[in-house]
């Protein structure tokens, strides 16, 4: 999809604040600092539109990005960062669960994992949770440019095996630096949402 117009509509903490449109929505979930902002920026062809937080775990809102008045990217707070208090984690964990299980406009979730390593226990838990609630999921392994080319297949197998990916869940290797995987991610988004280039 060719993107010219994007804006951050709202940073929401409860359903009453969610956009009142029927645009399909794609949620981006993953650990703090896994590259959600970088993926968003590559998909919308902007360098610094979605900002990377200087403090991991700081983003505690659902950020709704309106893309071409056709769909929303919903940036979900990162998980797995120890310095956020248990009470805070529980509070925005509840907010995330409410959004992912009750939002009718949600058409799918992109789960980002660090392609340089095996997925963490938090990554595994999130994938299993999405499967339990039957949320269509795309797994994106980020930072793959930091892995030598001859090791990509090994990393791909490691991610699949560690998460226990089923045949319905695609995996895309992605690099924000090289923009590798950008087209494949957009193809999945278009398939899930039914949007395409105007």
C-alpha atoms as a PDB file:
ATOM      1  CA  UNK A   1       0.000   0.000   0.000  1.00  0.00           C
ATOM      2  CA  UNK A   2       1.309   3.455  -0.852  1.00  0.00           C
ATOM      3  CA  UNK A   3       0.982   5.725   2.158  1.00  0.00           C
ATOM      4  CA  UNK A   4       0.827   9.521   1.961  1.00  0.00           C
ATOM      5  CA  UNK A   5      -1.372  10.531   4.901  1.00  0.00           C
ATOM      6  CA  UNK A   6      -0.951   9.327   8.478  1.00  0.00           C
ATOM      7  CA  UNK A   7      -1.811  10.887  11.798  1.00  0.00           C
ATOM      8  CA  UNK A   8      -1.832   9.860  15.422  1.00  0.00           C
ATOM      9  CA  UNK A   9      -5.545  10.105  16.193  1.00  0.00           C
ATOM     10  CA  UNK A  10      -5.435   9.400  19.923  1.00  0.00           C
ATOM     11  CA  UNK A  11      -3.443   7.792  22.711  1.00  0.00           C
ATOM     12  CA  UNK A  12      -6.146   5.892  24.555  1.00  0.00           C
ATOM     13  CA  UNK A  13      -6.305   4.125  27.912  1.00  0.00           C
ATOM     14  CA  UNK A  14      -9.960   2.998  27.877  1.00  0.00           C
ATOM     15  CA  UNK A  15     -12.586   1.956  25.310  1.00  0.00           C
ATOM     16  CA  UNK A  16     -14.533   5.213  25.538  1.00  0.00           C
ATOM     17  CA  UNK A  17     -11.511   6.949  23.984  1.00  0.00           C
ATOM     18  CA  UNK A  18     -11.113   4.594  21.021  1.00  0.00           C
ATOM     19  CA  UNK A  19     -11.857   6.075  17.574  1.00  0.00           C
ATOM     20  CA  UNK A  20     -15.538   5.872  16.662  1.00  0.00           C
ATOM     21  CA  UNK A  21     -14.872   4.755  13.088  1.00  0.00           C
ATOM     22  CA  UNK A  22     -15.363   1.357  11.521  1.00  0.00           C
ATOM     23  CA  UNK A  23     -11.917   1.299   9.928  1.00  0.00           C
ATOM     24  CA  UNK A  24     -10.246  -2.104  10.332  1.00  0.00           C
ATOM     25  CA  UNK A  25      -7.457  -2.167  12.908  1.00  0.00           C
ATOM     26  CA  UNK A  26      -4.144  -4.002  13.109  1.00  0.00           C
ATOM     27  CA  UNK A  27      -2.479  -4.186  16.524  1.00  0.00           C
ATOM     28  CA  UNK A  28       1.297  -4.294  16.987  1.00  0.00           C
ATOM     29  CA  UNK A  29       2.469  -6.144  20.086  1.00  0.00           C
ATOM     30  CA  UNK A  30       5.884  -7.123  21.395  1.00  0.00           C
ATOM     31  CA  UNK A  31       8.495  -6.581  24.042  1.00  0.00           C
ATOM     32  CA  UNK A  32       9.726  -3.092  24.842  1.00  0.00           C
ATOM     33  CA  UNK A  33      12.416  -2.038  22.356  1.00  0.00           C
ATOM     34  CA  UNK A  34      11.698  -4.896  19.925  1.00  0.00           C
ATOM     35  CA  UNK A  35      11.109  -2.428  17.078  1.00  0.00           C
ATOM     36  CA  UNK A  36       7.373  -1.647  16.897  1.00  0.00           C
ATOM     37  CA  UNK A  37       8.017   2.025  16.141  1.00  0.00           C
ATOM     38  CA  UNK A  38      10.623   1.136  13.517  1.00  0.00           C
ATOM     39  CA  UNK A  39       8.231  -1.272  11.789  1.00  0.00           C
ATOM     40  CA  UNK A  40       5.467   1.348  11.840  1.00  0.00           C
ATOM     41  CA  UNK A  41       7.782   3.984  10.341  1.00  0.00           C
ATOM     42  CA  UNK A  42       8.893   1.654   7.524  1.00  0.00           C
ATOM     43  CA  UNK A  43       5.311   0.638   6.712  1.00  0.00           C
ATOM     44  CA  UNK A  44       4.148   4.257   6.461  1.00  0.00           C
ATOM     45  CA  UNK A  45       7.351   5.529   4.794  1.00  0.00           C
ATOM     46  CA  UNK A  46       8.157   8.027   7.538  1.00  0.00           C
ATOM     47  CA  UNK A  47      11.502   8.308   9.259  1.00  0.00           C
ATOM     48  CA  UNK A  48      10.477   9.320  12.762  1.00  0.00           C
ATOM     49  CA  UNK A  49       6.686   9.451  12.821  1.00  0.00           C
ATOM     50  CA  UNK A  50       6.233   6.773  15.474  1.00  0.00           C
ATOM     51  CA  UNK A  51       8.741   7.635  18.183  1.00  0.00           C
ATOM     52  CA  UNK A  52      10.867   5.112  19.974  1.00  0.00           C
ATOM     53  CA  UNK A  53      10.655   5.729  23.694  1.00  0.00           C
ATOM     54  CA  UNK A  54      13.973   6.568  25.336  1.00  0.00           C
ATOM     55  CA  UNK A  55      12.728   4.691  28.393  1.00  0.00           C
ATOM     56  CA  UNK A  56      11.632   1.101  27.687  1.00  0.00           C
ATOM     57  CA  UNK A  57       8.245   0.355  29.192  1.00  0.00           C
ATOM     58  CA  UNK A  58       7.278   4.024  29.267  1.00  0.00           C
ATOM     59  CA  UNK A  59       4.556   3.828  26.614  1.00  0.00           C
ATOM     60  CA  UNK A  60       1.412   2.915  28.519  1.00  0.00           C
ATOM     61  CA  UNK A  61      -1.305   3.906  26.077  1.00  0.00           C
ATOM     62  CA  UNK A  62      -2.857   2.398  22.955  1.00  0.00           C
ATOM     63  CA  UNK A  63      -1.696   4.672  20.133  1.00  0.00           C
ATOM     64  CA  UNK A  64      -4.091   4.738  17.160  1.00  0.00           C
ATOM     65  CA  UNK A  65      -2.413   5.715  13.875  1.00  0.00           C
ATOM     66  CA  UNK A  66      -4.876   6.585  11.090  1.00  0.00           C
ATOM     67  CA  UNK A  67      -3.446   5.379   7.774  1.00  0.00           C
ATOM     68  CA  UNK A  68      -4.990   6.981   4.668  1.00  0.00           C
ATOM     69  CA  UNK A  69      -8.452   7.063   6.301  1.00  0.00           C
ATOM     70  CA  UNK A  70      -8.584   3.337   5.535  1.00  0.00           C
ATOM     71  CA  UNK A  71      -7.252   1.575   8.602  1.00  0.00           C
ATOM     72  CA  UNK A  72      -5.604   2.025  11.989  1.00  0.00           C
ATOM     73  CA  UNK A  73      -2.302   0.713  13.258  1.00  0.00           C
ATOM     74  CA  UNK A  74      -2.654   0.316  17.016  1.00  0.00           C
ATOM     75  CA  UNK A  75       0.650   0.436  18.883  1.00  0.00           C
ATOM     76  CA  UNK A  76       0.259  -1.581  22.080  1.00  0.00           C
ATOM     77  CA  UNK A  77       2.430  -0.988  25.199  1.00  0.00           C
ATOM     78  CA  UNK A  78       5.545  -3.158  25.230  1.00  0.00           C
ATOM     79  CA  UNK A  79       5.731  -6.009  27.698  1.00  0.00           C
ATOM     80  CA  UNK A  80       8.538  -7.642  29.658  1.00  0.00           C
ATOM     81  CA  UNK A  81      10.289  -4.599  31.055  1.00  0.00           C
ATOM     82  CA  UNK A  82      11.277  -5.113  34.692  1.00  0.00           C
ATOM     83  CA  UNK A  83      11.441  -1.477  35.858  1.00  0.00           C
ATOM     84  CA  UNK A  84       7.711  -0.975  35.388  1.00  0.00           C
ATOM     85  CA  UNK A  85       5.966  -1.731  38.684  1.00  0.00           C
ATOM     86  CA  UNK A  86       3.861  -4.864  39.006  1.00  0.00           C
ATOM     87  CA  UNK A  87       0.777  -2.732  39.648  1.00  0.00           C
ATOM     88  CA  UNK A  88       1.382  -0.717  36.456  1.00  0.00           C
ATOM     89  CA  UNK A  89       1.975  -3.896  34.435  1.00  0.00           C
ATOM     90  CA  UNK A  90      -1.304  -5.323  35.697  1.00  0.00           C
ATOM     91  CA  UNK A  91      -3.149  -2.101  34.869  1.00  0.00           C
ATOM     92  CA  UNK A  92      -2.056  -1.869  31.256  1.00  0.00           C
ATOM     93  CA  UNK A  93      -2.142  -5.664  30.901  1.00  0.00           C
ATOM     94  CA  UNK A  94      -5.855  -5.414  31.613  1.00  0.00           C
ATOM     95  CA  UNK A  95      -6.187  -2.553  29.109  1.00  0.00           C
ATOM     96  CA  UNK A  96      -4.432  -4.604  26.398  1.00  0.00           C
ATOM     97  CA  UNK A  97      -6.540  -7.697  27.091  1.00  0.00           C
ATOM     98  CA  UNK A  98      -9.736  -5.666  26.937  1.00  0.00           C
ATOM     99  CA  UNK A  99      -8.737  -4.200  23.573  1.00  0.00           C
ATOM    100  CA  UNK A 100      -7.538  -7.443  21.983  1.00  0.00           C
ATOM    101  CA  UNK A 101     -10.553  -9.509  23.068  1.00  0.00           C
ATOM    102  CA  UNK A 102     -13.408  -7.006  22.689  1.00  0.00           C
ATOM    103  CA  UNK A 103     -12.563  -4.610  19.856  1.00  0.00           C
ATOM    104  CA  UNK A 104     -14.772  -5.517  16.891  1.00  0.00           C
ATOM    105  CA  UNK A 105     -12.639  -3.522  14.428  1.00  0.00           C
ATOM    106  CA  UNK A 106      -9.520  -5.590  15.207  1.00  0.00           C
ATOM    107  CA  UNK A 107      -8.633  -7.686  12.154  1.00  0.00           C
ATOM    108  CA  UNK A 108      -5.300  -9.085  13.251  1.00  0.00           C
ATOM    109  CA  UNK A 109      -2.215  -8.695  15.387  1.00  0.00           C
ATOM    110  CA  UNK A 110       1.435  -8.402  14.408  1.00  0.00           C
ATOM    111  CA  UNK A 111       3.599 -10.014  17.104  1.00  0.00           C
ATOM    112  CA  UNK A 112       7.164  -8.719  16.929  1.00  0.00           C
ATOM    113  CA  UNK A 113      10.047 -10.786  18.267  1.00  0.00           C
ATOM    114  CA  UNK A 114      13.789 -10.075  18.157  1.00  0.00           C
ATOM    115  CA  UNK A 115      15.098 -12.069  15.199  1.00  0.00           C
ATOM    116  CA  UNK A 116      18.615 -12.221  16.667  1.00  0.00           C
ATOM    117  CA  UNK A 117      17.603 -14.483  19.558  1.00  0.00           C
ATOM    118  CA  UNK A 118      15.139 -17.167  20.562  1.00  0.00           C
ATOM    119  CA  UNK A 119      11.747 -15.720  21.586  1.00  0.00           C
ATOM    120  CA  UNK A 120      11.444 -15.016  25.310  1.00  0.00           C
ATOM    121  CA  UNK A 121       8.975 -16.595  27.734  1.00  0.00           C
ATOM    122  CA  UNK A 122       6.907 -13.395  27.434  1.00  0.00           C
ATOM    123  CA  UNK A 123       6.852 -13.776  23.639  1.00  0.00           C
ATOM    124  CA  UNK A 124       5.717 -17.394  23.967  1.00  0.00           C
ATOM    125  CA  UNK A 125       2.994 -16.433  26.455  1.00  0.00           C
ATOM    126  CA  UNK A 126       1.722 -13.658  24.172  1.00  0.00           C
ATOM    127  CA  UNK A 127       1.598 -15.968  21.147  1.00  0.00           C
ATOM    128  CA  UNK A 128      -0.234 -18.661  23.105  1.00  0.00           C
ATOM    129  CA  UNK A 129      -2.657 -16.057  24.448  1.00  0.00           C
ATOM    130  CA  UNK A 130      -3.420 -14.755  20.926  1.00  0.00           C
ATOM    131  CA  UNK A 131      -3.974 -18.329  19.772  1.00  0.00           C
ATOM    132  CA  UNK A 132      -6.304 -19.022  22.682  1.00  0.00           C
ATOM    133  CA  UNK A 133      -8.485 -16.057  21.714  1.00  0.00           C
ATOM    134  CA  UNK A 134      -8.268 -16.907  17.986  1.00  0.00           C
ATOM    135  CA  UNK A 135      -6.744 -13.557  17.048  1.00  0.00           C
ATOM    136  CA  UNK A 136      -5.264 -13.779  13.512  1.00  0.00           C
ATOM    137  CA  UNK A 137      -1.525 -13.316  14.019  1.00  0.00           C
ATOM    138  CA  UNK A 138       1.535 -12.513  11.928  1.00  0.00           C
ATOM    139  CA  UNK A 139       4.908 -13.030  13.606  1.00  0.00           C
ATOM    140  CA  UNK A 140       7.602 -10.569  12.505  1.00  0.00           C
ATOM    141  CA  UNK A 141      11.209 -11.290  13.471  1.00  0.00           C
ATOM    142  CA  UNK A 142      12.905  -7.869  13.658  1.00  0.00           C
ATOM    143  CA  UNK A 143      16.534  -6.703  13.388  1.00  0.00           C
ATOM    144  CA  UNK A 144      17.346  -9.527  10.972  1.00  0.00           C
ATOM    145  CA  UNK A 145      19.986  -7.332   9.289  1.00  0.00           C
ATOM    146  CA  UNK A 146      22.103  -7.950  12.426  1.00  0.00           C
ATOM    147  CA  UNK A 147      22.109 -11.689  11.617  1.00  0.00           C
ATOM    148  CA  UNK A 148      24.529 -13.030   8.999  1.00  0.00           C
ATOM    149  CA  UNK A 149      22.743 -14.086   5.807  1.00  0.00           C
ATOM    150  CA  UNK A 150      23.788 -17.718   6.117  1.00  0.00           C
ATOM    151  CA  UNK A 151      22.171 -17.888   9.566  1.00  0.00           C
ATOM    152  CA  UNK A 152      18.721 -16.594   8.560  1.00  0.00           C
ATOM    153  CA  UNK A 153      17.274 -20.056   8.006  1.00  0.00           C
ATOM    154  CA  UNK A 154      18.550 -21.183  11.397  1.00  0.00           C
ATOM    155  CA  UNK A 155      17.006 -18.153  13.134  1.00  0.00           C
ATOM    156  CA  UNK A 156      13.722 -18.663  11.268  1.00  0.00           C
ATOM    157  CA  UNK A 157      13.587 -22.290  12.448  1.00  0.00           C
ATOM    158  CA  UNK A 158      14.490 -21.242  15.998  1.00  0.00           C
ATOM    159  CA  UNK A 159      11.639 -18.713  16.165  1.00  0.00           C
ATOM    160  CA  UNK A 160       9.120 -21.182  14.723  1.00  0.00           C
ATOM    161  CA  UNK A 161      10.174 -23.978  17.060  1.00  0.00           C
ATOM    162  CA  UNK A 162      10.377 -21.840  20.214  1.00  0.00           C
ATOM    163  CA  UNK A 163       6.958 -20.252  19.678  1.00  0.00           C
ATOM    164  CA  UNK A 164       5.431 -23.493  18.419  1.00  0.00           C
ATOM    165  CA  UNK A 165       4.011 -21.747  15.356  1.00  0.00           C
ATOM    166  CA  UNK A 166       1.086 -23.489  13.714  1.00  0.00           C
ATOM    167  CA  UNK A 167       0.684 -23.631   9.934  1.00  0.00           C
ATOM    168  CA  UNK A 168      -1.874 -20.803   9.975  1.00  0.00           C
ATOM    169  CA  UNK A 169       0.597 -18.314  11.495  1.00  0.00           C
ATOM    170  CA  UNK A 170       3.044 -16.814   8.983  1.00  0.00           C
ATOM    171  CA  UNK A 171       6.519 -15.633   9.966  1.00  0.00           C
ATOM    172  CA  UNK A 172       8.291 -12.774   8.181  1.00  0.00           C
ATOM    173  CA  UNK A 173      11.938 -11.819   8.684  1.00  0.00           C
ATOM    174  CA  UNK A 174      12.171  -8.022   8.855  1.00  0.00           C
ATOM    175  CA  UNK A 175      14.820  -5.312   8.807  1.00  0.00           C
ATOM    176  CA  UNK A 176      13.921  -1.656   9.341  1.00  0.00           C
ATOM    177  CA  UNK A 177      17.380  -0.685   8.080  1.00  0.00           C
ATOM    178  CA  UNK A 178      17.170  -2.608   4.792  1.00  0.00           C
ATOM    179  CA  UNK A 179      13.331  -2.519   4.595  1.00  0.00           C
ATOM    180  CA  UNK A 180      13.479  -6.262   4.070  1.00  0.00           C
ATOM    181  CA  UNK A 181      10.029  -7.781   4.607  1.00  0.00           C
ATOM    182  CA  UNK A 182       8.133  -4.504   4.170  1.00  0.00           C
ATOM    183  CA  UNK A 183       6.150  -5.692   1.128  1.00  0.00           C
ATOM    184  CA  UNK A 184       5.321  -9.063   2.696  1.00  0.00           C
ATOM    185  CA  UNK A 185       4.021  -7.423   5.878  1.00  0.00           C
ATOM    186  CA  UNK A 186       1.819  -5.067   3.843  1.00  0.00           C
ATOM    187  CA  UNK A 187       0.449  -7.996   1.836  1.00  0.00           C
ATOM    188  CA  UNK A 188      -0.642  -9.693   5.069  1.00  0.00           C
ATOM    189  CA  UNK A 189      -2.212  -6.456   6.370  1.00  0.00           C
ATOM    190  CA  UNK A 190      -4.125  -5.929   3.118  1.00  0.00           C
ATOM    191  CA  UNK A 191      -5.363  -9.520   3.190  1.00  0.00           C
ATOM    192  CA  UNK A 192      -6.590  -9.163   6.778  1.00  0.00           C
ATOM    193  CA  UNK A 193      -8.224  -5.757   6.392  1.00  0.00           C
ATOM    194  CA  UNK A 194      -9.421  -5.778   2.781  1.00  0.00           C
ATOM    195  CA  UNK A 195      -7.806  -2.395   2.117  1.00  0.00           C
ATOM    196  CA  UNK A 196      -5.603  -1.731  -0.876  1.00  0.00           C
ATOM    197  CA  UNK A 197      -4.129   1.160  -2.797  1.00  0.00           C
ATOM    198  CA  UNK A 198      -6.687   3.770  -3.826  1.00  0.00           C
END
